[in-house]
Amino acid sequence: MKNSIKITLLALLVSLNTPAFEQINVDVPADSPHEECFFLDTETVINYRYKSSEPLDFNLHYHDDNGMTYLVDLPKSSSSENLVKDLINKQVYCLMWFNSTTKNAELNYEFSLEK
């Protein structure tokens, strides 16, 4: 009994310290974007990865008074993963994919925001 309690507590501690990835599957129509945005108000890093059935133009950017600033820009990419650090606090950041092909694309991605 004591061993099962220890194992349960250990599993709980590991799960609390492991960032949870939010997993999303979407269809991106031809000549269309898909964007996932979030506001960061504390020191955070963005960990993301994706795969798509068609090459998509991908970028990670943030919005400010001057428009958009691009941190990652990958044209015609069907997969990538990255951990982005040194982000500016109190900004809206967006993961964005654009399907410039003539076919619909299946996009599978996941990300976590880690402090």
Foldseek 3Di string as FASTA:
>chain_A
DVVVVVVVVVVVVVVVPDFDKDKDKDKAAAQGKDKDKDAFADFKKKKKKKFKPWFWWKWKWWQDPVGIDTPDTDGRHGIDIDIGGPDDHGIMIMIMIGHNDNGIMIMIMIMGIGD
